[in-house]
PDB file of N, CA and C in Angstrom:
ATOM      1  N   UNK A   1      54.065  73.532 161.865  1.00  0.00           N
ATOM      2  CA  UNK A   1      53.835  72.251 161.826  1.00  0.00           C
ATOM      3  C   UNK A   1      52.492  71.986 162.194  1.00  0.00           C
ATOM      4  N   UNK A   2      51.781  71.247 161.460  1.00  0.00           N
ATOM      5  CA  UNK A   2      50.301  70.943 161.534  1.00  0.00           C
ATOM      6  C   UNK A   2      50.272  69.815 162.756  1.00  0.00           C
ATOM      7  N   UNK A   3      49.126  69.528 163.205  1.00  0.00           N
ATOM      8  CA  UNK A   3      49.011  68.670 164.392  1.00  0.00           C
ATOM      9  C   UNK A   3      49.204  67.249 163.971  1.00  0.00           C
ATOM     10  N   UNK A   4      49.011  67.000 162.770  1.00  0.00           N
ATOM     11  CA  UNK A   4      49.164  65.514 162.229  1.00  0.00           C
ATOM     12  C   UNK A   4      50.658  65.204 162.209  1.00  0.00           C
ATOM     13  N   UNK A   5      51.489  66.119 161.705  1.00  0.00           N
ATOM     14  CA  UNK A   5      52.948  66.060 161.938  1.00  0.00           C
ATOM     15  C   UNK A   5      53.380  65.908 163.354  1.00  0.00           C
ATOM     16  N   UNK A   6      52.901  66.749 164.106  1.00  0.00           N
ATOM     17  CA  UNK A   6      53.420  66.867 165.496  1.00  0.00           C
ATOM     18  C   UNK A   6      52.895  65.571 166.170  1.00  0.00           C
ATOM     19  N   UNK A   7      51.976  64.944 165.734  1.00  0.00           N
ATOM     20  CA  UNK A   7      51.438  63.589 166.461  1.00  0.00           C
ATOM     21  C   UNK A   7      52.385  62.469 165.883  1.00  0.00           C
ATOM     22  N   UNK A   8      52.819  62.618 164.615  1.00  0.00           N
ATOM     23  CA  UNK A   8      53.618  61.434 164.101  1.00  0.00           C
ATOM     24  C   UNK A   8      54.883  61.534 164.779  1.00  0.00           C
ATOM     25  N   UNK A   9      55.490  62.848 164.875  1.00  0.00           N
ATOM     26  CA  UNK A   9      56.780  63.004 165.574  1.00  0.00           C
ATOM     27  C   UNK A   9      56.685  62.506 167.132  1.00  0.00           C
ATOM     28  N   UNK A  10      55.652  62.722 167.758  1.00  0.00           N
ATOM     29  CA  UNK A  10      55.549  62.278 169.130  1.00  0.00           C
ATOM     30  C   UNK A  10      55.545  60.778 169.204  1.00  0.00           C
ATOM     31  N   UNK A  11      54.831  60.165 168.224  1.00  0.00           N
ATOM     32  CA  UNK A  11      54.648  58.640 168.251  1.00  0.00           C
ATOM     33  C   UNK A  11      56.016  58.019 167.903  1.00  0.00           C
ATOM     34  N   UNK A  12      56.810  58.628 166.989  1.00  0.00           N
ATOM     35  CA  UNK A  12      58.118  57.993 166.702  1.00  0.00           C
ATOM     36  C   UNK A  12      59.078  58.244 167.826  1.00  0.00           C
ATOM     37  N   UNK A  13      58.925  59.373 168.551  1.00  0.00           N
ATOM     38  CA  UNK A  13      59.816  59.458 169.797  1.00  0.00           C
ATOM     39  C   UNK A  13      59.498  58.592 170.771  1.00  0.00           C
ATOM     40  N   UNK A  14      58.326  58.268 170.943  1.00  0.00           N
ATOM     41  CA  UNK A  14      57.868  57.389 171.995  1.00  0.00           C
ATOM     42  C   UNK A  14      58.312  55.916 171.761  1.00  0.00           C
ATOM     43  N   UNK A  15      58.157  55.628 170.436  1.00  0.00           N
ATOM     44  CA  UNK A  15      58.597  54.279 169.938  1.00  0.00           C
ATOM     45  C   UNK A  15      60.196  54.159 170.138  1.00  0.00           C
ATOM     46  N   UNK A  16      60.791  55.163 169.738  1.00  0.00           N
ATOM     47  CA  UNK A  16      62.267  55.006 169.860  1.00  0.00           C
ATOM     48  C   UNK A  16      62.618  54.925 171.287  1.00  0.00           C
ATOM     49  N   UNK A  17      62.115  55.566 172.152  1.00  0.00           N
ATOM     50  CA  UNK A  17      62.457  55.520 173.598  1.00  0.00           C
ATOM     51  C   UNK A  17      62.126  54.204 174.112  1.00  0.00           C
ATOM     52  N   UNK A  18      60.934  53.480 173.595  1.00  0.00           N
ATOM     53  CA  UNK A  18      60.601  52.274 174.095  1.00  0.00           C
ATOM     54  C   UNK A  18      61.750  51.227 173.635  1.00  0.00           C
ATOM     55  N   UNK A  19      62.055  51.136 172.383  1.00  0.00           N
ATOM     56  CA  UNK A  19      63.082  50.282 171.888  1.00  0.00           C
ATOM     57  C   UNK A  19      64.358  50.549 172.564  1.00  0.00           C
ATOM     58  N   UNK A  20      64.779  51.777 172.704  1.00  0.00           N
ATOM     59  CA  UNK A  20      66.124  52.033 173.424  1.00  0.00           C
ATOM     60  C   UNK A  20      66.088  51.384 174.852  1.00  0.00           C
ATOM     61  N   UNK A  21      64.994  51.387 175.607  1.00  0.00           N
ATOM     62  CA  UNK A  21      64.799  50.894 176.848  1.00  0.00           C
ATOM     63  C   UNK A  21      64.951  49.489 176.900  1.00  0.00           C
ATOM     64  N   UNK A  22      64.220  48.812 175.848  1.00  0.00           N
ATOM     65  CA  UNK A  22      64.225  47.330 175.905  1.00  0.00           C
ATOM     66  C   UNK A  22      65.604  46.855 175.512  1.00  0.00           C
ATOM     67  N   UNK A  23      66.327  47.594 174.621  1.00  0.00           N
ATOM     68  CA  UNK A  23      67.659  47.074 174.223  1.00  0.00           C
ATOM     69  C   UNK A  23      68.764  47.244 175.433  1.00  0.00           C
ATOM     70  N   UNK A  24      68.523  48.279 176.258  1.00  0.00           N
ATOM     71  CA  UNK A  24      69.296  48.327 177.401  1.00  0.00           C
ATOM     72  C   UNK A  24      69.052  47.347 178.521  1.00  0.00           C
ATOM     73  N   UNK A  25      67.873  46.954 178.574  1.00  0.00           N
ATOM     74  CA  UNK A  25      67.542  46.133 179.595  1.00  0.00           C
ATOM     75  C   UNK A  25      67.517  44.645 179.287  1.00  0.00           C
ATOM     76  N   UNK A  26      67.906  44.282 178.048  1.00  0.00           N
ATOM     77  CA  UNK A  26      68.194  43.032 177.613  1.00  0.00           C
ATOM     78  C   UNK A  26      69.444  42.488 178.156  1.00  0.00           C
ATOM     79  N   UNK A  27      69.478  41.109 178.642  1.00  0.00           N
ATOM     80  CA  UNK A  27      70.571  40.538 179.217  1.00  0.00           C
ATOM     81  C   UNK A  27      71.465  40.356 178.098  1.00  0.00           C
ATOM     82  N   UNK A  28      72.729  40.255 178.562  1.00  0.00           N
ATOM     83  CA  UNK A  28      73.867  39.843 177.474  1.00  0.00           C
ATOM     84  C   UNK A  28      73.731  38.437 177.078  1.00  0.00           C
ATOM     85  N   UNK A  29      74.196  38.180 175.763  1.00  0.00           N
ATOM     86  CA  UNK A  29      74.011  36.787 175.363  1.00  0.00           C
ATOM     87  C   UNK A  29      75.036  35.908 176.129  1.00  0.00           C
ATOM     88  N   UNK A  30      74.794  34.818 176.233  1.00  0.00           N
ATOM     89  CA  UNK A  30      75.587  33.535 176.860  1.00  0.00           C
ATOM     90  C   UNK A  30      77.131  33.758 176.479  1.00  0.00           C
ATOM     91  N   UNK A  31      77.999  34.055 177.318  1.00  0.00           N
ATOM     92  CA  UNK A  31      79.439  33.911 176.840  1.00  0.00           C
ATOM     93  C   UNK A  31      79.836  35.236 176.343  1.00  0.00           C
ATOM     94  N   UNK A  32      79.121  36.341 176.396  1.00  0.00           N
ATOM     95  CA  UNK A  32      79.303  37.516 175.738  1.00  0.00           C
ATOM     96  C   UNK A  32      80.200  38.624 176.727  1.00  0.00           C
ATOM     97  N   UNK A  33      80.515  38.116 177.932  1.00  0.00           N
ATOM     98  CA  UNK A  33      81.188  38.882 178.830  1.00  0.00           C
ATOM     99  C   UNK A  33      82.610  39.415 178.397  1.00  0.00           C
ATOM    100  N   UNK A  34      82.485  40.614 177.736  1.00  0.00           N
ATOM    101  CA  UNK A  34      83.700  41.249 177.311  1.00  0.00           C
ATOM    102  C   UNK A  34      84.206  40.829 176.068  1.00  0.00           C
ATOM    103  N   UNK A  35      83.473  40.067 175.311  1.00  0.00           N
ATOM    104  CA  UNK A  35      84.029  39.397 173.998  1.00  0.00           C
ATOM    105  C   UNK A  35      83.904  40.359 172.930  1.00  0.00           C
ATOM    106  N   UNK A  36      84.785  40.353 171.979  1.00  0.00           N
ATOM    107  CA  UNK A  36      84.733  41.291 170.787  1.00  0.00           C
ATOM    108  C   UNK A  36      83.919  40.584 169.792  1.00  0.00           C
ATOM    109  N   UNK A  37      83.370  41.472 168.830  1.00  0.00           N
ATOM    110  CA  UNK A  37      82.573  41.036 167.836  1.00  0.00           C
ATOM    111  C   UNK A  37      82.862  40.066 167.079  1.00  0.00           C
ATOM    112  N   UNK A  38      84.181  39.830 166.717  1.00  0.00           N
ATOM    113  CA  UNK A  38      84.684  38.588 165.954  1.00  0.00           C
ATOM    114  C   UNK A  38      84.447  37.343 166.785  1.00  0.00           C
ATOM    115  N   UNK A  39      84.425  37.354 168.126  1.00  0.00           N
ATOM    116  CA  UNK A  39      84.289  36.309 168.927  1.00  0.00           C
ATOM    117  C   UNK A  39      82.894  35.854 169.106  1.00  0.00           C
ATOM    118  N   UNK A  40      82.025  36.817 168.677  1.00  0.00           N
ATOM    119  CA  UNK A  40      80.406  36.363 169.038  1.00  0.00           C
ATOM    120  C   UNK A  40      79.871  35.948 167.711  1.00  0.00           C
ATOM    121  N   UNK A  41      80.659  35.385 166.714  1.00  0.00           N
ATOM    122  CA  UNK A  41      79.996  34.931 165.572  1.00  0.00           C
ATOM    123  C   UNK A  41      79.553  35.988 164.421  1.00  0.00           C
ATOM    124  N   UNK A  42      80.202  37.165 164.391  1.00  0.00           N
ATOM    125  CA  UNK A  42      79.850  38.268 163.669  1.00  0.00           C
ATOM    126  C   UNK A  42      80.578  38.074 162.461  1.00  0.00           C
ATOM    127  N   UNK A  43      80.007  38.560 161.155  1.00  0.00           N
ATOM    128  CA  UNK A  43      80.719  38.419 159.935  1.00  0.00           C
ATOM    129  C   UNK A  43      80.436  39.666 159.080  1.00  0.00           C
ATOM    130  N   UNK A  44      81.422  40.030 158.202  1.00  0.00           N
ATOM    131  CA  UNK A  44      81.344  41.169 157.389  1.00  0.00           C
ATOM    132  C   UNK A  44      80.258  40.952 156.237  1.00  0.00           C
ATOM    133  N   UNK A  45      79.383  41.794 156.072  1.00  0.00           N
ATOM    134  CA  UNK A  45      78.397  41.607 154.942  1.00  0.00           C
ATOM    135  C   UNK A  45      78.542  42.893 154.075  1.00  0.00           C
ATOM    136  N   UNK A  46      78.892  42.659 152.890  1.00  0.00           N
ATOM    137  CA  UNK A  46      79.079  43.771 151.953  1.00  0.00           C
ATOM    138  C   UNK A  46      77.844  44.029 151.117  1.00  0.00           C
ATOM    139  N   UNK A  47      77.474  45.307 150.723  1.00  0.00           N
ATOM    140  CA  UNK A  47      76.527  45.711 149.942  1.00  0.00           C
ATOM    141  C   UNK A  47      75.086  45.943 150.496  1.00  0.00           C
ATOM    142  N   UNK A  48      75.094  46.050 151.840  1.00  0.00           N
ATOM    143  CA  UNK A  48      73.735  46.238 152.597  1.00  0.00           C
ATOM    144  C   UNK A  48      73.861  47.422 153.274  1.00  0.00           C
ATOM    145  N   UNK A  49      74.864  48.313 153.417  1.00  0.00           N
ATOM    146  CA  UNK A  49      74.986  49.649 154.159  1.00  0.00           C
ATOM    147  C   UNK A  49      73.931  50.562 153.611  1.00  0.00           C
ATOM    148  N   UNK A  50      73.555  51.440 154.707  1.00  0.00           N
ATOM    149  CA  UNK A  50      72.943  52.579 154.389  1.00  0.00           C
ATOM    150  C   UNK A  50      73.843  53.736 154.122  1.00  0.00           C
ATOM    151  N   UNK A  51      73.735  54.868 153.521  1.00  0.00           N
ATOM    152  CA  UNK A  51      74.595  55.945 153.407  1.00  0.00           C
ATOM    153  C   UNK A  51      74.863  56.422 154.887  1.00  0.00           C
ATOM    154  N   UNK A  52      76.414  56.527 154.840  1.00  0.00           N
ATOM    155  CA  UNK A  52      77.119  56.984 156.218  1.00  0.00           C
ATOM    156  C   UNK A  52      76.656  55.940 157.393  1.00  0.00           C
ATOM    157  N   UNK A  53      76.539  54.723 157.196  1.00  0.00           N
ATOM    158  CA  UNK A  53      76.215  53.705 158.123  1.00  0.00           C
ATOM    159  C   UNK A  53      77.013  52.410 157.946  1.00  0.00           C
ATOM    160  N   UNK A  54      78.292  52.583 157.257  1.00  0.00           N
ATOM    161  CA  UNK A  54      79.250  51.341 157.080  1.00  0.00           C
ATOM    162  C   UNK A  54      79.891  51.313 158.309  1.00  0.00           C
ATOM    163  N   UNK A  55      80.497  50.106 158.583  1.00  0.00           N
ATOM    164  CA  UNK A  55      81.273  49.790 159.755  1.00  0.00           C
ATOM    165  C   UNK A  55      82.768  50.135 159.712  1.00  0.00           C
ATOM    166  N   UNK A  56      83.349  49.998 158.681  1.00  0.00           N
ATOM    167  CA  UNK A  56      84.793  50.402 158.661  1.00  0.00           C
ATOM    168  C   UNK A  56      85.352  50.727 157.394  1.00  0.00           C
ATOM    169  N   UNK A  57      86.475  50.753 157.252  1.00  0.00           N
ATOM    170  CA  UNK A  57      87.436  51.198 155.951  1.00  0.00           C
ATOM    171  C   UNK A  57      86.881  50.463 154.821  1.00  0.00           C
ATOM    172  N   UNK A  58      86.670  51.243 153.675  1.00  0.00           N
ATOM    173  CA  UNK A  58      86.294  50.834 152.398  1.00  0.00           C
ATOM    174  C   UNK A  58      87.218  51.589 151.395  1.00  0.00           C
ATOM    175  N   UNK A  59      87.226  51.061 150.174  1.00  0.00           N
ATOM    176  CA  UNK A  59      88.153  51.883 149.167  1.00  0.00           C
ATOM    177  C   UNK A  59      87.501  53.395 149.020  1.00  0.00           C
ATOM    178  N   UNK A  60      88.339  54.455 149.153  1.00  0.00           N
ATOM    179  CA  UNK A  60      88.044  55.788 149.021  1.00  0.00           C
ATOM    180  C   UNK A  60      87.940  56.456 150.404  1.00  0.00           C
ATOM    181  N   UNK A  61      87.927  55.712 151.425  1.00  0.00           N
ATOM    182  CA  UNK A  61      87.889  56.262 152.769  1.00  0.00           C
ATOM    183  C   UNK A  61      88.433  55.433 153.774  1.00  0.00           C
ATOM    184  N   UNK A  62      88.811  55.956 155.075  1.00  0.00           N
ATOM    185  CA  UNK A  62      89.264  54.919 155.907  1.00  0.00           C
ATOM    186  C   UNK A  62      88.630  54.910 157.465  1.00  0.00           C
ATOM    187  N   UNK A  63      87.363  55.444 157.397  1.00  0.00           N
ATOM    188  CA  UNK A  63      86.691  55.432 158.759  1.00  0.00           C
ATOM    189  C   UNK A  63      85.279  54.875 158.606  1.00  0.00           C
ATOM    190  N   UNK A  64      84.740  54.373 159.807  1.00  0.00           N
ATOM    191  CA  UNK A  64      83.486  53.988 159.775  1.00  0.00           C
ATOM    192  C   UNK A  64      82.494  55.231 159.477  1.00  0.00           C
ATOM    193  N   UNK A  65      81.493  54.941 158.946  1.00  0.00           N
ATOM    194  CA  UNK A  65      80.344  56.135 158.625  1.00  0.00           C
ATOM    195  C   UNK A  65      80.651  57.034 157.683  1.00  0.00           C
ATOM    196  N   UNK A  66      81.798  56.972 156.987  1.00  0.00           N
ATOM    197  CA  UNK A  66      81.961  57.929 155.846  1.00  0.00           C
ATOM    198  C   UNK A  66      81.598  57.443 154.411  1.00  0.00           C
ATOM    199  N   UNK A  67      81.067  56.264 154.169  1.00  0.00           N
ATOM    200  CA  UNK A  67      80.532  55.959 152.988  1.00  0.00           C
ATOM    201  C   UNK A  67      79.128  56.538 152.485  1.00  0.00           C
ATOM    202  N   UNK A  68      79.396  57.538 151.459  1.00  0.00           N
ATOM    203  CA  UNK A  68      78.223  58.228 151.205  1.00  0.00           C
ATOM    204  C   UNK A  68      77.193  57.558 150.253  1.00  0.00           C
ATOM    205  N   UNK A  69      77.711  56.370 149.903  1.00  0.00           N
ATOM    206  CA  UNK A  69      76.841  55.565 148.864  1.00  0.00           C
ATOM    207  C   UNK A  69      76.131  54.423 149.610  1.00  0.00           C
ATOM    208  N   UNK A  70      74.847  54.344 149.411  1.00  0.00           N
ATOM    209  CA  UNK A  70      73.964  53.259 150.019  1.00  0.00           C
ATOM    210  C   UNK A  70      74.237  52.126 149.231  1.00  0.00           C
ATOM    211  N   UNK A  71      74.150  50.880 149.895  1.00  0.00           N
ATOM    212  CA  UNK A  71      74.235  49.647 149.307  1.00  0.00           C
ATOM    213  C   UNK A  71      75.660  49.446 148.593  1.00  0.00           C
ATOM    214  N   UNK A  72      76.723  50.090 148.964  1.00  0.00           N
ATOM    215  CA  UNK A  72      77.978  50.139 148.235  1.00  0.00           C
ATOM    216  C   UNK A  72      78.564  48.627 148.458  1.00  0.00           C
ATOM    217  N   UNK A  73      78.915  48.110 147.228  1.00  0.00           N
ATOM    218  CA  UNK A  73      79.391  46.701 147.260  1.00  0.00           C
ATOM    219  C   UNK A  73      80.789  46.534 147.976  1.00  0.00           C
ATOM    220  N   UNK A  74      81.315  47.607 148.197  1.00  0.00           N
ATOM    221  CA  UNK A  74      82.572  47.485 148.987  1.00  0.00           C
ATOM    222  C   UNK A  74      82.704  48.016 150.341  1.00  0.00           C
ATOM    223  N   UNK A  75      81.498  48.218 150.908  1.00  0.00           N
ATOM    224  CA  UNK A  75      81.354  48.655 152.295  1.00  0.00           C
ATOM    225  C   UNK A  75      80.561  47.653 152.996  1.00  0.00           C
ATOM    226  N   UNK A  76      81.215  47.328 154.163  1.00  0.00           N
ATOM    227  CA  UNK A  76      80.426  46.232 154.998  1.00  0.00           C
ATOM    228  C   UNK A  76      79.860  46.725 156.250  1.00  0.00           C
ATOM    229  N   UNK A  77      78.900  45.996 156.822  1.00  0.00           N
ATOM    230  CA  UNK A  77      78.302  46.014 158.019  1.00  0.00           C
ATOM    231  C   UNK A  77      78.378  44.695 158.729  1.00  0.00           C
ATOM    232  N   UNK A  78      78.864  44.716 160.060  1.00  0.00           N
ATOM    233  CA  UNK A  78      78.971  43.502 160.798  1.00  0.00           C
ATOM    234  C   UNK A  78      77.610  43.041 161.106  1.00  0.00           C
ATOM    235  N   UNK A  79      77.226  41.748 160.811  1.00  0.00           N
ATOM    236  CA  UNK A  79      76.087  41.082 161.076  1.00  0.00           C
ATOM    237  C   UNK A  79      76.283  39.667 161.634  1.00  0.00           C
ATOM    238  N   UNK A  80      75.259  39.190 162.441  1.00  0.00           N
ATOM    239  CA  UNK A  80      75.505  37.985 163.032  1.00  0.00           C
ATOM    240  C   UNK A  80      75.856  36.874 161.808  1.00  0.00           C
ATOM    241  N   UNK A  81      76.653  35.895 162.104  1.00  0.00           N
ATOM    242  CA  UNK A  81      77.035  34.704 161.014  1.00  0.00           C
ATOM    243  C   UNK A  81      75.949  34.126 160.608  1.00  0.00           C
ATOM    244  N   UNK A  82      75.762  33.885 159.291  1.00  0.00           N
ATOM    245  CA  UNK A  82      74.696  33.165 158.641  1.00  0.00           C
ATOM    246  C   UNK A  82      73.532  34.118 158.159  1.00  0.00           C
ATOM    247  N   UNK A  83      73.471  35.483 158.582  1.00  0.00           N
ATOM    248  CA  UNK A  83      72.532  36.288 158.218  1.00  0.00           C
ATOM    249  C   UNK A  83      72.876  37.014 156.979  1.00  0.00           C
ATOM    250  N   UNK A  84      73.994  37.286 156.466  1.00  0.00           N
ATOM    251  CA  UNK A  84      74.253  37.936 155.358  1.00  0.00           C
ATOM    252  C   UNK A  84      73.655  37.469 154.049  1.00  0.00           C
ATOM    253  N   UNK A  85      73.778  36.097 153.848  1.00  0.00           N
ATOM    254  CA  UNK A  85      73.104  35.456 152.764  1.00  0.00           C
ATOM    255  C   UNK A  85      71.761  35.518 152.698  1.00  0.00           C
ATOM    256  N   UNK A  86      71.041  35.820 153.739  1.00  0.00           N
ATOM    257  CA  UNK A  86      69.633  35.905 153.724  1.00  0.00           C
ATOM    258  C   UNK A  86      69.116  37.244 153.325  1.00  0.00           C
ATOM    259  N   UNK A  87      70.087  38.318 153.295  1.00  0.00           N
ATOM    260  CA  UNK A  87      69.699  39.671 152.912  1.00  0.00           C
ATOM    261  C   UNK A  87      69.807  39.938 151.628  1.00  0.00           C
ATOM    262  N   UNK A  88      68.888  40.538 150.826  1.00  0.00           N
ATOM    263  CA  UNK A  88      68.897  40.830 149.354  1.00  0.00           C
ATOM    264  C   UNK A  88      70.169  41.735 149.085  1.00  0.00           C
ATOM    265  N   UNK A  89      71.068  41.368 148.373  1.00  0.00           N
ATOM    266  CA  UNK A  89      72.178  42.117 148.036  1.00  0.00           C
ATOM    267  C   UNK A  89      73.465  41.951 148.730  1.00  0.00           C
ATOM    268  N   UNK A  90      73.250  41.107 149.869  1.00  0.00           N
ATOM    269  CA  UNK A  90      74.388  40.891 150.711  1.00  0.00           C
ATOM    270  C   UNK A  90      75.501  39.870 150.258  1.00  0.00           C
ATOM    271  N   UNK A  91      76.656  40.176 150.503  1.00  0.00           N
ATOM    272  CA  UNK A  91      77.762  39.285 150.195  1.00  0.00           C
ATOM    273  C   UNK A  91      78.793  39.232 151.256  1.00  0.00           C
ATOM    274  N   UNK A  92      79.451  38.099 151.348  1.00  0.00           N
ATOM    275  CA  UNK A  92      80.471  38.092 152.397  1.00  0.00           C
ATOM    276  C   UNK A  92      81.812  38.596 151.837  1.00  0.00           C
ATOM    277  N   UNK A  93      81.825  38.944 150.514  1.00  0.00           N
ATOM    278  CA  UNK A  93      83.238  39.356 149.983  1.00  0.00           C
ATOM    279  C   UNK A  93      82.945  40.702 149.253  1.00  0.00           C
ATOM    280  N   UNK A  94      83.859  41.663 149.245  1.00  0.00           N
ATOM    281  CA  UNK A  94      83.724  42.850 148.617  1.00  0.00           C
ATOM    282  C   UNK A  94      83.751  42.751 147.005  1.00  0.00           C
ATOM    283  N   UNK A  95      83.231  43.665 146.294  1.00  0.00           N
ATOM    284  CA  UNK A  95      83.274  43.604 144.871  1.00  0.00           C
ATOM    285  C   UNK A  95      84.789  43.942 144.346  1.00  0.00           C
ATOM    286  N   UNK A  96      85.376  44.820 144.955  1.00  0.00           N
ATOM    287  CA  UNK A  96      86.838  45.194 144.586  1.00  0.00           C
ATOM    288  C   UNK A  96      87.698  44.673 145.806  1.00  0.00           C
ATOM    289  N   UNK A  97      88.813  43.975 145.630  1.00  0.00           N
ATOM    290  CA  UNK A  97      89.787  43.612 146.523  1.00  0.00           C
ATOM    291  C   UNK A  97      90.757  44.899 146.997  1.00  0.00           C
ATOM    292  N   UNK A  98      90.550  45.875 146.271  1.00  0.00           N
ATOM    293  CA  UNK A  98      91.565  47.028 146.582  1.00  0.00           C
ATOM    294  C   UNK A  98      91.278  47.787 147.772  1.00  0.00           C
TER     295      UNK A  98
END
């Protein structure tokens, strides 16, 4: 591994730790005390998933993280309400109802 790749890896690691520290130190949203995702205004957004990053069951598999196809129109990711329509390729309904 040359020094340039080593430096890039170190910087990515430092940024990741910084973001993780900020996320854990952030206060919970008002009214989020033990509320489920559905109670916090989350909605299913289809067609925006990365490979192996879907939230739940889709046709062909029954568990989160098992969709091997990125941007699958039948796999969803939970996003805050109103955000899905702003994402290119995002839809609030699956392509296949099966």
